Amino acid sequence: MSKTRVIAVHDHPRGAGRIEFDIDFATGTIDGLVVDPAHEAYVRSVLNDLSAHPDEPAHFAWQQSYPAPDPMHVPKSMAWQLMAIGWTLEGELAKYPPPEADPLPDGALS
């Protein structure tokens, strides 16, 4: 499998800006990280966390969690994990939309 270029934009104060990196999903190897030096520690901690917890579901703002196994080896899982923490994806991973929220049960308040 060839490398995939990941491009993500975030407007959170701790991780504002744009990140780019290449990932080989066959090996789970990331290289070529391009990020504002002021936010590099935050971005590296996010990527390390994804690598260290491959079974962690993606937790979306609508308070639902979705399986996103092994994000270092599964492109859709990487996309969902990054979107769940607020990154907007561009490039190759942008083809994976976020999951649809399940409908509320009858009588539930939104």
PDB file of N, CA and C in Angstrom:
ATOM      1  N   MET A   1       0.851  -1.172   0.000  1.00  0.00           N
ATOM      2  CA  MET A   1       0.000   0.000   0.000  1.00  0.00           C
ATOM      3  C   MET A   1       0.897   1.235   0.000  1.00  0.00           C
ATOM      4  N   SER A   2       0.529   2.213  -0.770  1.00  0.00           N
ATOM      5  CA  SER A   2       1.331   3.435  -0.831  1.00  0.00           C
ATOM      6  C   SER A   2       0.973   4.356   0.337  1.00  0.00           C
ATOM      7  N   LYS A   3       1.769   5.386   0.489  1.00  0.00           N
ATOM      8  CA  LYS A   3       1.520   6.354   1.550  1.00  0.00           C
ATOM      9  C   LYS A   3       0.335   7.237   1.192  1.00  0.00           C
ATOM     10  N   THR A   4      -0.378   7.646   2.220  1.00  0.00           N
ATOM     11  CA  THR A   4      -1.511   8.548   2.077  1.00  0.00           C
ATOM     12  C   THR A   4      -1.132   9.870   2.709  1.00  0.00           C
ATOM     13  N   ARG A   5      -1.401  10.964   2.017  1.00  0.00           N
ATOM     14  CA  ARG A   5      -1.128  12.303   2.559  1.00  0.00           C
ATOM     15  C   ARG A   5      -2.349  12.737   3.352  1.00  0.00           C
ATOM     16  N   VAL A   6      -2.161  13.024   4.617  1.00  0.00           N
ATOM     17  CA  VAL A   6      -3.241  13.487   5.479  1.00  0.00           C
ATOM     18  C   VAL A   6      -3.099  15.001   5.638  1.00  0.00           C
ATOM     19  N   ILE A   7      -4.189  15.706   5.377  1.00  0.00           N
ATOM     20  CA  ILE A   7      -4.222  17.159   5.527  1.00  0.00           C
ATOM     21  C   ILE A   7      -5.442  17.477   6.390  1.00  0.00           C
ATOM     22  N   ALA A   8      -5.206  18.189   7.491  1.00  0.00           N
ATOM     23  CA  ALA A   8      -6.298  18.514   8.400  1.00  0.00           C
ATOM     24  C   ALA A   8      -6.141  19.939   8.903  1.00  0.00           C
ATOM     25  N   VAL A   9      -7.281  20.601   9.094  1.00  0.00           N
ATOM     26  CA  VAL A   9      -7.308  21.982   9.561  1.00  0.00           C
ATOM     27  C   VAL A   9      -8.132  22.018  10.846  1.00  0.00           C
ATOM     28  N   HIS A  10      -7.647  22.786  11.814  1.00  0.00           N
ATOM     29  CA  HIS A  10      -8.303  22.856  13.123  1.00  0.00           C
ATOM     30  C   HIS A  10      -8.257  24.296  13.607  1.00  0.00           C
ATOM     31  N   ASP A  11      -9.336  24.749  14.248  1.00  0.00           N
ATOM     32  CA  ASP A  11      -9.320  26.118  14.759  1.00  0.00           C
ATOM     33  C   ASP A  11      -9.352  26.157  16.285  1.00  0.00           C
ATOM     34  N   HIS A  12      -8.991  25.056  16.924  1.00  0.00           N
ATOM     35  CA  HIS A  12      -8.926  25.016  18.389  1.00  0.00           C
ATOM     36  C   HIS A  12      -7.697  25.794  18.854  1.00  0.00           C
ATOM     37  N   PRO A  13      -7.813  26.564  19.932  1.00  0.00           N
ATOM     38  CA  PRO A  13      -6.661  27.361  20.386  1.00  0.00           C
ATOM     39  C   PRO A  13      -5.388  26.555  20.666  1.00  0.00           C
ATOM     40  N   ARG A  14      -5.525  25.307  21.141  1.00  0.00           N
ATOM     41  CA  ARG A  14      -4.336  24.506  21.424  1.00  0.00           C
ATOM     42  C   ARG A  14      -3.722  23.922  20.161  1.00  0.00           C
ATOM     43  N   GLY A  15      -4.522  23.719  19.144  1.00  0.00           N
ATOM     44  CA  GLY A  15      -4.010  23.066  17.947  1.00  0.00           C
ATOM     45  C   GLY A  15      -4.404  23.775  16.683  1.00  0.00           C
ATOM     46  N   ALA A  16      -4.489  25.074  16.750  1.00  0.00           N
ATOM     47  CA  ALA A  16      -4.947  25.851  15.608  1.00  0.00           C
ATOM     48  C   ALA A  16      -4.018  25.663  14.423  1.00  0.00           C
ATOM     49  N   GLY A  17      -4.589  25.746  13.276  1.00  0.00           N
ATOM     50  CA  GLY A  17      -3.770  25.707  12.083  1.00  0.00           C
ATOM     51  C   GLY A  17      -4.013  24.480  11.233  1.00  0.00           C
ATOM     52  N   ARG A  18      -2.960  24.083  10.584  1.00  0.00           N
ATOM     53  CA  ARG A  18      -3.034  23.034   9.571  1.00  0.00           C
ATOM     54  C   ARG A  18      -1.925  22.035   9.845  1.00  0.00           C
ATOM     55  N   ILE A  19      -2.259  20.765   9.688  1.00  0.00           N
ATOM     56  CA  ILE A  19      -1.240  19.728   9.779  1.00  0.00           C
ATOM     57  C   ILE A  19      -1.246  18.926   8.493  1.00  0.00           C
ATOM     58  N   GLU A  20      -0.096  18.429   8.156  1.00  0.00           N
ATOM     59  CA  GLU A  20       0.051  17.520   7.025  1.00  0.00           C
ATOM     60  C   GLU A  20       1.054  16.463   7.424  1.00  0.00           C
ATOM     61  N   PHE A  21       0.774  15.232   7.026  1.00  0.00           N
ATOM     62  CA  PHE A  21       1.732  14.156   7.223  1.00  0.00           C
ATOM     63  C   PHE A  21       1.399  13.022   6.269  1.00  0.00           C
ATOM     64  N   ASP A  22       2.375  12.179   6.064  1.00  0.00           N
ATOM     65  CA  ASP A  22       2.190  10.977   5.254  1.00  0.00           C
ATOM     66  C   ASP A  22       2.054   9.797   6.205  1.00  0.00           C
ATOM     67  N   ILE A  23       1.141   8.890   5.878  1.00  0.00           N
ATOM     68  CA  ILE A  23       1.007   7.674   6.657  1.00  0.00           C
ATOM     69  C   ILE A  23       0.952   6.481   5.713  1.00  0.00           C
ATOM     70  N   ASP A  24       1.684   5.463   6.080  1.00  0.00           N
ATOM     71  CA  ASP A  24       1.626   4.191   5.374  1.00  0.00           C
ATOM     72  C   ASP A  24       0.720   3.305   6.214  1.00  0.00           C
ATOM     73  N   PHE A  25      -0.522   3.109   5.779  1.00  0.00           N
ATOM     74  CA  PHE A  25      -1.481   2.339   6.556  1.00  0.00           C
ATOM     75  C   PHE A  25      -1.109   0.864   6.657  1.00  0.00           C
ATOM     76  N   ALA A  26      -0.254   0.388   5.775  1.00  0.00           N
ATOM     77  CA  ALA A  26       0.201  -1.012   5.873  1.00  0.00           C
ATOM     78  C   ALA A  26       1.098  -1.215   7.088  1.00  0.00           C
ATOM     79  N   THR A  27       1.926  -0.220   7.389  1.00  0.00           N
ATOM     80  CA  THR A  27       2.863  -0.345   8.507  1.00  0.00           C
ATOM     81  C   THR A  27       2.481   0.524   9.707  1.00  0.00           C
ATOM     82  N   GLY A  28       1.601   1.490   9.512  1.00  0.00           N
ATOM     83  CA  GLY A  28       1.237   2.421  10.576  1.00  0.00           C
ATOM     84  C   GLY A  28       2.277   3.489  10.824  1.00  0.00           C
ATOM     85  N   THR A  29       3.172   3.687   9.860  1.00  0.00           N
ATOM     86  CA  THR A  29       4.271   4.635  10.005  1.00  0.00           C
ATOM     87  C   THR A  29       3.876   6.017   9.494  1.00  0.00           C
ATOM     88  N   ILE A  30       4.145   7.022  10.329  1.00  0.00           N
ATOM     89  CA  ILE A  30       3.895   8.417   9.963  1.00  0.00           C
ATOM     90  C   ILE A  30       5.233   9.099   9.739  1.00  0.00           C
ATOM     91  N   ASP A  31       5.312   9.889   8.676  1.00  0.00           N
ATOM     92  CA  ASP A  31       6.507  10.708   8.482  1.00  0.00           C
ATOM     93  C   ASP A  31       6.115  11.980   7.740  1.00  0.00           C
ATOM     94  N   GLY A  32       7.053  12.904   7.644  1.00  0.00           N
ATOM     95  CA  GLY A  32       6.823  14.151   6.924  1.00  0.00           C
ATOM     96  C   GLY A  32       5.834  15.081   7.603  1.00  0.00           C
ATOM     97  N   LEU A  33       5.773  15.054   8.936  1.00  0.00           N
ATOM     98  CA  LEU A  33       4.838  15.924   9.646  1.00  0.00           C
ATOM     99  C   LEU A  33       5.186  17.389   9.418  1.00  0.00           C
ATOM    100  N   VAL A  34       4.180  18.147   8.957  1.00  0.00           N
ATOM    101  CA  VAL A  34       4.322  19.590   8.772  1.00  0.00           C
ATOM    102  C   VAL A  34       3.265  20.237   9.652  1.00  0.00           C
ATOM    103  N   VAL A  35       3.730  21.022  10.628  1.00  0.00           N
ATOM    104  CA  VAL A  35       2.816  21.674  11.568  1.00  0.00           C
ATOM    105  C   VAL A  35       3.498  22.920  12.111  1.00  0.00           C
ATOM    106  N   ASP A  36       2.701  23.891  12.515  1.00  0.00           N
ATOM    107  CA  ASP A  36       3.242  25.091  13.158  1.00  0.00           C
ATOM    108  C   ASP A  36       4.020  24.640  14.395  1.00  0.00           C
ATOM    109  N   PRO A  37       5.268  25.063  14.540  1.00  0.00           N
ATOM    110  CA  PRO A  37       6.075  24.636  15.684  1.00  0.00           C
ATOM    111  C   PRO A  37       5.410  24.894  17.036  1.00  0.00           C
ATOM    112  N   ALA A  38       4.578  25.908  17.132  1.00  0.00           N
ATOM    113  CA  ALA A  38       3.908  26.210  18.393  1.00  0.00           C
ATOM    114  C   ALA A  38       2.913  25.130  18.793  1.00  0.00           C
ATOM    115  N   HIS A  39       2.465  24.327  17.826  1.00  0.00           N
ATOM    116  CA  HIS A  39       1.451  23.313  18.091  1.00  0.00           C
ATOM    117  C   HIS A  39       1.971  21.888  17.882  1.00  0.00           C
ATOM    118  N   GLU A  40       3.254  21.760  17.615  1.00  0.00           N
ATOM    119  CA  GLU A  40       3.802  20.444  17.313  1.00  0.00           C
ATOM    120  C   GLU A  40       3.625  19.454  18.466  1.00  0.00           C
ATOM    121  N   ALA A  41       3.845  19.877  19.691  1.00  0.00           N
ATOM    122  CA  ALA A  41       3.716  18.967  20.833  1.00  0.00           C
ATOM    123  C   ALA A  41       2.286  18.440  20.947  1.00  0.00           C
ATOM    124  N   TYR A  42       1.310  19.320  20.752  1.00  0.00           N
ATOM    125  CA  TYR A  42      -0.099  18.901  20.805  1.00  0.00           C
ATOM    126  C   TYR A  42      -0.408  17.890  19.702  1.00  0.00           C
ATOM    127  N   VAL A  43       0.008  18.180  18.487  1.00  0.00           N
ATOM    128  CA  VAL A  43      -0.273  17.291  17.359  1.00  0.00           C
ATOM    129  C   VAL A  43       0.407  15.938  17.561  1.00  0.00           C
ATOM    130  N   ARG A  44       1.655  15.952  18.003  1.00  0.00           N
ATOM    131  CA  ARG A  44       2.348  14.682  18.258  1.00  0.00           C
ATOM    132  C   ARG A  44       1.657  13.893  19.369  1.00  0.00           C
ATOM    133  N   SER A  45       1.131  14.574  20.384  1.00  0.00           N
ATOM    134  CA  SER A  45       0.434  13.858  21.455  1.00  0.00           C
ATOM    135  C   SER A  45      -0.848  13.210  20.936  1.00  0.00           C
ATOM    136  N   VAL A  46      -1.559  13.895  20.032  1.00  0.00           N
ATOM    137  CA  VAL A  46      -2.766  13.317  19.429  1.00  0.00           C
ATOM    138  C   VAL A  46      -2.404  12.068  18.622  1.00  0.00           C
ATOM    139  N   LEU A  47      -1.382  12.170  17.780  1.00  0.00           N
ATOM    140  CA  LEU A  47      -0.983  11.030  16.954  1.00  0.00           C
ATOM    141  C   LEU A  47      -0.468   9.873  17.822  1.00  0.00           C
ATOM    142  N   ASN A  48       0.285  10.187  18.866  1.00  0.00           N
ATOM    143  CA  ASN A  48       0.762   9.138  19.774  1.00  0.00           C
ATOM    144  C   ASN A  48      -0.398   8.460  20.489  1.00  0.00           C
ATOM    145  N   ASP A  49      -1.406   9.245  20.876  1.00  0.00           N
ATOM    146  CA  ASP A  49      -2.577   8.695  21.551  1.00  0.00           C
ATOM    147  C   ASP A  49      -3.344   7.752  20.624  1.00  0.00           C
ATOM    148  N   LEU A  50      -3.499   8.147  19.356  1.00  0.00           N
ATOM    149  CA  LEU A  50      -4.177   7.274  18.398  1.00  0.00           C
ATOM    150  C   LEU A  50      -3.425   5.959  18.229  1.00  0.00           C
ATOM    151  N   SER A  51      -2.117   6.039  18.217  1.00  0.00           N
ATOM    152  CA  SER A  51      -1.296   4.843  18.072  1.00  0.00           C
ATOM    153  C   SER A  51      -1.357   3.966  19.323  1.00  0.00           C
ATOM    154  N   ALA A  52      -1.361   4.597  20.489  1.00  0.00           N
ATOM    155  CA  ALA A  52      -1.323   3.854  21.755  1.00  0.00           C
ATOM    156  C   ALA A  52      -2.666   3.229  22.123  1.00  0.00           C
ATOM    157  N   HIS A  53      -3.758   3.736  21.573  1.00  0.00           N
ATOM    158  CA  HIS A  53      -5.096   3.246  21.920  1.00  0.00           C
ATOM    159  C   HIS A  53      -5.864   2.857  20.656  1.00  0.00           C
ATOM    160  N   PRO A  54      -5.441   1.797  19.978  1.00  0.00           N
ATOM    161  CA  PRO A  54      -6.040   1.456  18.690  1.00  0.00           C
ATOM    162  C   PRO A  54      -7.489   0.978  18.761  1.00  0.00           C
ATOM    163  N   ASP A  55      -7.978   0.662  19.957  1.00  0.00           N
ATOM    164  CA  ASP A  55      -9.359   0.182  20.076  1.00  0.00           C
ATOM    165  C   ASP A  55     -10.314   1.244  20.592  1.00  0.00           C
ATOM    166  N   GLU A  56      -9.825   2.454  20.787  1.00  0.00           N
ATOM    167  CA  GLU A  56     -10.659   3.546  21.304  1.00  0.00           C
ATOM    168  C   GLU A  56     -11.665   3.969  20.233  1.00  0.00           C
ATOM    169  N   PRO A  57     -12.966   4.034  20.588  1.00  0.00           N
ATOM    170  CA  PRO A  57     -13.943   4.512  19.594  1.00  0.00           C
ATOM    171  C   PRO A  57     -13.795   6.008  19.359  1.00  0.00           C
ATOM    172  N   ALA A  58     -14.349   6.468  18.264  1.00  0.00           N
ATOM    173  CA  ALA A  58     -14.376   7.902  17.964  1.00  0.00           C
ATOM    174  C   ALA A  58     -15.598   8.490  18.659  1.00  0.00           C
ATOM    175  N   HIS A  59     -15.377   9.493  19.499  1.00  0.00           N
ATOM    176  CA  HIS A  59     -16.460  10.116  20.270  1.00  0.00           C
ATOM    177  C   HIS A  59     -16.836  11.433  19.604  1.00  0.00           C
ATOM    178  N   PHE A  60     -18.045  11.479  19.035  1.00  0.00           N
ATOM    179  CA  PHE A  60     -18.476  12.676  18.321  1.00  0.00           C
ATOM    180  C   PHE A  60     -19.288  13.600  19.217  1.00  0.00           C
ATOM    181  N   ALA A  61     -19.408  14.849  18.798  1.00  0.00           N
ATOM    182  CA  ALA A  61     -20.042  15.892  19.613  1.00  0.00           C
ATOM    183  C   ALA A  61     -21.492  15.574  19.969  1.00  0.00           C
ATOM    184  N   TRP A  62     -22.149  14.771  19.180  1.00  0.00           N
ATOM    185  CA  TRP A  62     -23.545  14.453  19.483  1.00  0.00           C
ATOM    186  C   TRP A  62     -23.622  13.313  20.499  1.00  0.00           C
ATOM    187  N   GLN A  63     -22.521  13.119  21.228  1.00  0.00           N
ATOM    188  CA  GLN A  63     -22.448  12.196  22.366  1.00  0.00           C
ATOM    189  C   GLN A  63     -22.633  10.730  21.983  1.00  0.00           C
ATOM    190  N   GLN A  64     -22.280  10.398  20.771  1.00  0.00           N
ATOM    191  CA  GLN A  64     -22.295   9.015  20.371  1.00  0.00           C
ATOM    192  C   GLN A  64     -20.881   8.597  20.031  1.00  0.00           C
ATOM    193  N   SER A  65     -20.594   7.352  20.309  1.00  0.00           N
ATOM    194  CA  SER A  65     -19.281   6.800  19.988  1.00  0.00           C
ATOM    195  C   SER A  65     -19.438   5.793  18.864  1.00  0.00           C
ATOM    196  N   TYR A  66     -18.448   5.766  18.000  1.00  0.00           N
ATOM    197  CA  TYR A  66     -18.474   4.872  16.857  1.00  0.00           C
ATOM    198  C   TYR A  66     -17.170   4.097  16.804  1.00  0.00           C
ATOM    199  N   PRO A  67     -17.245   2.803  16.513  1.00  0.00           N
ATOM    200  CA  PRO A  67     -16.004   2.036  16.392  1.00  0.00           C
ATOM    201  C   PRO A  67     -15.110   2.631  15.311  1.00  0.00           C
ATOM    202  N   ALA A  68     -13.864   2.807  15.645  1.00  0.00           N
ATOM    203  CA  ALA A  68     -12.862   3.310  14.698  1.00  0.00           C
ATOM    204  C   ALA A  68     -11.566   2.562  14.988  1.00  0.00           C
ATOM    205  N   PRO A  69     -11.595   1.245  14.746  1.00  0.00           N
ATOM    206  CA  PRO A  69     -10.451   0.427  15.150  1.00  0.00           C
ATOM    207  C   PRO A  69      -9.182   0.692  14.361  1.00  0.00           C
ATOM    208  N   ASP A  70      -8.086   0.649  15.071  1.00  0.00           N
ATOM    209  CA  ASP A  70      -6.743   0.678  14.489  1.00  0.00           C
ATOM    210  C   ASP A  70      -6.529   1.820  13.495  1.00  0.00           C
ATOM    211  N   PRO A  71      -6.660   3.074  13.966  1.00  0.00           N
ATOM    212  CA  PRO A  71      -6.557   4.209  13.041  1.00  0.00           C
ATOM    213  C   PRO A  71      -5.207   4.341  12.339  1.00  0.00           C
ATOM    214  N   MET A  72      -4.171   3.707  12.868  1.00  0.00           N
ATOM    215  CA  MET A  72      -2.869   3.783  12.204  1.00  0.00           C
ATOM    216  C   MET A  72      -2.802   2.846  10.989  1.00  0.00           C
ATOM    217  N   HIS A  73      -3.818   1.975  10.845  1.00  0.00           N
ATOM    218  CA  HIS A  73      -3.825   1.017   9.744  1.00  0.00           C
ATOM    219  C   HIS A  73      -5.109   1.062   8.903  1.00  0.00           C
ATOM    220  N   VAL A  74      -6.127   1.791   9.374  1.00  0.00           N
ATOM    221  CA  VAL A  74      -7.414   1.835   8.675  1.00  0.00           C
ATOM    222  C   VAL A  74      -7.751   3.302   8.361  1.00  0.00           C
ATOM    223  N   PRO A  75      -7.736   3.687   7.094  1.00  0.00           N
ATOM    224  CA  PRO A  75      -7.954   5.090   6.724  1.00  0.00           C
ATOM    225  C   PRO A  75      -9.257   5.687   7.276  1.00  0.00           C
ATOM    226  N   LYS A  76     -10.361   4.966   7.184  1.00  0.00           N
ATOM    227  CA  LYS A  76     -11.634   5.499   7.676  1.00  0.00           C
ATOM    228  C   LYS A  76     -11.558   5.745   9.180  1.00  0.00           C
ATOM    229  N   SER A  77     -10.908   4.860   9.911  1.00  0.00           N
ATOM    230  CA  SER A  77     -10.762   5.047  11.358  1.00  0.00           C
ATOM    231  C   SER A  77      -9.924   6.280  11.668  1.00  0.00           C
ATOM    232  N   MET A  78      -8.845   6.494  10.929  1.00  0.00           N
ATOM    233  CA  MET A  78      -8.025   7.697  11.121  1.00  0.00           C
ATOM    234  C   MET A  78      -8.865   8.937  10.854  1.00  0.00           C
ATOM    235  N   ALA A  79      -9.641   8.907   9.776  1.00  0.00           N
ATOM    236  CA  ALA A  79     -10.488  10.056   9.432  1.00  0.00           C
ATOM    237  C   ALA A  79     -11.483  10.331  10.556  1.00  0.00           C
ATOM    238  N   TRP A  80     -12.171   9.310  11.028  1.00  0.00           N
ATOM    239  CA  TRP A  80     -13.174   9.498  12.082  1.00  0.00           C
ATOM    240  C   TRP A  80     -12.539   9.992  13.371  1.00  0.00           C
ATOM    241  N   GLN A  81     -11.362   9.456  13.731  1.00  0.00           N
ATOM    242  CA  GLN A  81     -10.714   9.893  14.971  1.00  0.00           C
ATOM    243  C   GLN A  81     -10.331  11.372  14.883  1.00  0.00           C
ATOM    244  N   LEU A  82      -9.778  11.796  13.757  1.00  0.00           N
ATOM    245  CA  LEU A  82      -9.396  13.201  13.600  1.00  0.00           C
ATOM    246  C   LEU A  82     -10.623  14.115  13.577  1.00  0.00           C
ATOM    247  N   MET A  83     -11.691  13.696  12.873  1.00  0.00           N
ATOM    248  CA  MET A  83     -12.915  14.498  12.838  1.00  0.00           C
ATOM    249  C   MET A  83     -13.545  14.590  14.224  1.00  0.00           C
ATOM    250  N   ALA A  84     -13.492  13.515  14.995  1.00  0.00           N
ATOM    251  CA  ALA A  84     -14.119  13.496  16.316  1.00  0.00           C
ATOM    252  C   ALA A  84     -13.489  14.507  17.268  1.00  0.00           C
ATOM    253  N   ILE A  85     -12.220  14.847  17.053  1.00  0.00           N
ATOM    254  CA  ILE A  85     -11.577  15.835  17.924  1.00  0.00           C
ATOM    255  C   ILE A  85     -11.507  17.215  17.272  1.00  0.00           C
ATOM    256  N   GLY A  86     -12.271  17.387  16.195  1.00  0.00           N
ATOM    257  CA  GLY A  86     -12.454  18.725  15.644  1.00  0.00           C
ATOM    258  C   GLY A  86     -11.683  19.084  14.392  1.00  0.00           C
ATOM    259  N   TRP A  87     -10.940  18.154  13.831  1.00  0.00           N
ATOM    260  CA  TRP A  87     -10.182  18.462  12.619  1.00  0.00           C
ATOM    261  C   TRP A  87     -11.091  18.356  11.402  1.00  0.00           C
ATOM    262  N   THR A  88     -10.946  19.280  10.489  1.00  0.00           N
ATOM    263  CA  THR A  88     -11.620  19.235   9.190  1.00  0.00           C
ATOM    264  C   THR A  88     -10.607  18.668   8.203  1.00  0.00           C
ATOM    265  N   LEU A  89     -11.005  17.625   7.515  1.00  0.00           N
ATOM    266  CA  LEU A  89     -10.065  16.935   6.626  1.00  0.00           C
ATOM    267  C   LEU A  89     -10.126  17.469   5.207  1.00  0.00           C
ATOM    268  N   GLU A  90      -8.976  17.506   4.600  1.00  0.00           N
ATOM    269  CA  GLU A  90      -8.833  17.823   3.183  1.00  0.00           C
ATOM    270  C   GLU A  90      -8.048  16.667   2.569  1.00  0.00           C
ATOM    271  N   GLY A  91      -7.989  16.615   1.276  1.00  0.00           N
ATOM    272  CA  GLY A  91      -7.199  15.572   0.632  1.00  0.00           C
ATOM    273  C   GLY A  91      -7.871  14.204   0.679  1.00  0.00           C
ATOM    274  N   GLU A  92      -7.050  13.165   0.682  1.00  0.00           N
ATOM    275  CA  GLU A  92      -7.533  11.800   0.510  1.00  0.00           C
ATOM    276  C   GLU A  92      -8.497  11.325   1.594  1.00  0.00           C
ATOM    277  N   LEU A  93      -8.287  11.713   2.844  1.00  0.00           N
ATOM    278  CA  LEU A  93      -9.173  11.246   3.909  1.00  0.00           C
ATOM    279  C   LEU A  93     -10.503  11.994   3.956  1.00  0.00           C
ATOM    280  N   ALA A  94     -10.627  13.079   3.205  1.00  0.00           N
ATOM    281  CA  ALA A  94     -11.878  13.836   3.180  1.00  0.00           C
ATOM    282  C   ALA A  94     -13.012  13.038   2.543  1.00  0.00           C
ATOM    283  N   LYS A  95     -12.690  11.949   1.870  1.00  0.00           N
ATOM    284  CA  LYS A  95     -13.746  11.149   1.240  1.00  0.00           C
ATOM    285  C   LYS A  95     -14.559  10.353   2.262  1.00  0.00           C
ATOM    286  N   TYR A  96     -14.108  10.330   3.514  1.00  0.00           N
ATOM    287  CA  TYR A  96     -14.837   9.620   4.562  1.00  0.00           C
ATOM    288  C   TYR A  96     -15.669  10.623   5.357  1.00  0.00           C
ATOM    289  N   PRO A  97     -16.991  10.631   5.168  1.00  0.00           N
ATOM    290  CA  PRO A  97     -17.823  11.562   5.930  1.00  0.00           C
ATOM    291  C   PRO A  97     -17.958  11.077   7.373  1.00  0.00           C
ATOM    292  N   PRO A  98     -18.310  11.985   8.279  1.00  0.00           N
ATOM    293  CA  PRO A  98     -18.554  11.529   9.645  1.00  0.00           C
ATOM    294  C   PRO A  98     -19.781  10.628   9.668  1.00  0.00           C
ATOM    295  N   PRO A  99     -19.900   9.807  10.684  1.00  0.00           N
ATOM    296  CA  PRO A  99     -21.075   8.925  10.765  1.00  0.00           C
ATOM    297  C   PRO A  99     -22.347   9.737  11.010  1.00  0.00           C
ATOM    298  N   GLU A 100     -23.458   9.170  10.607  1.00  0.00           N
ATOM    299  CA  GLU A 100     -24.756   9.800  10.845  1.00  0.00           C
ATOM    300  C   GLU A 100     -25.140   9.574  12.300  1.00  0.00           C
ATOM    301  N   ALA A 101     -25.695  10.582  12.936  1.00  0.00           N
ATOM    302  CA  ALA A 101     -26.195  10.420  14.301  1.00  0.00           C
ATOM    303  C   ALA A 101     -27.432   9.541  14.281  1.00  0.00           C
ATOM    304  N   ASP A 102     -27.539   8.647  15.254  1.00  0.00           N
ATOM    305  CA  ASP A 102     -28.734   7.812  15.355  1.00  0.00           C
ATOM    306  C   ASP A 102     -29.917   8.691  15.725  1.00  0.00           C
ATOM    307  N   PRO A 103     -31.109   8.365  15.206  1.00  0.00           N
ATOM    308  CA  PRO A 103     -32.277   9.175  15.554  1.00  0.00           C
ATOM    309  C   PRO A 103     -32.613   9.022  17.041  1.00  0.00           C
ATOM    310  N   LEU A 104     -33.166  10.089  17.611  1.00  0.00           N
ATOM    311  CA  LEU A 104     -33.586  10.030  19.007  1.00  0.00           C
ATOM    312  C   LEU A 104     -34.838   9.169  19.123  1.00  0.00           C
ATOM    313  N   PRO A 105     -34.966   8.456  20.230  1.00  0.00           N
ATOM    314  CA  PRO A 105     -36.189   7.667  20.417  1.00  0.00           C
ATOM    315  C   PRO A 105     -37.406   8.581  20.595  1.00  0.00           C
ATOM    316  N   ASP A 106     -38.587   8.054  20.327  1.00  0.00           N
ATOM    317  CA  ASP A 106     -39.821   8.826  20.491  1.00  0.00           C
ATOM    318  C   ASP A 106     -39.902   9.388  21.898  1.00  0.00           C
ATOM    319  N   GLY A 107     -40.240  10.658  22.004  1.00  0.00           N
ATOM    320  CA  GLY A 107     -40.399  11.303  23.295  1.00  0.00           C
ATOM    321  C   GLY A 107     -39.130  11.892  23.873  1.00  0.00           C
ATOM    322  N   ALA A 108     -37.993  11.637  23.249  1.00  0.00           N
ATOM    323  CA  ALA A 108     -36.724  12.168  23.770  1.00  0.00           C
ATOM    324  C   ALA A 108     -36.610  13.646  23.439  1.00  0.00           C
ATOM    325  N   LEU A 109     -35.979  14.375  24.334  1.00  0.00           N
ATOM    326  CA  LEU A 109     -35.732  15.793  24.097  1.00  0.00           C
ATOM    327  C   LEU A 109     -34.354  15.962  23.502  1.00  0.00           C
ATOM    328  N   SER A 110     -34.242  16.821  22.507  1.00  0.00           N
ATOM    329  CA  SER A 110     -32.927  17.033  21.915  1.00  0.00           C
ATOM    330  C   SER A 110     -32.237  18.214  22.528  1.00  0.00           C
TER     331      SER A 110
END
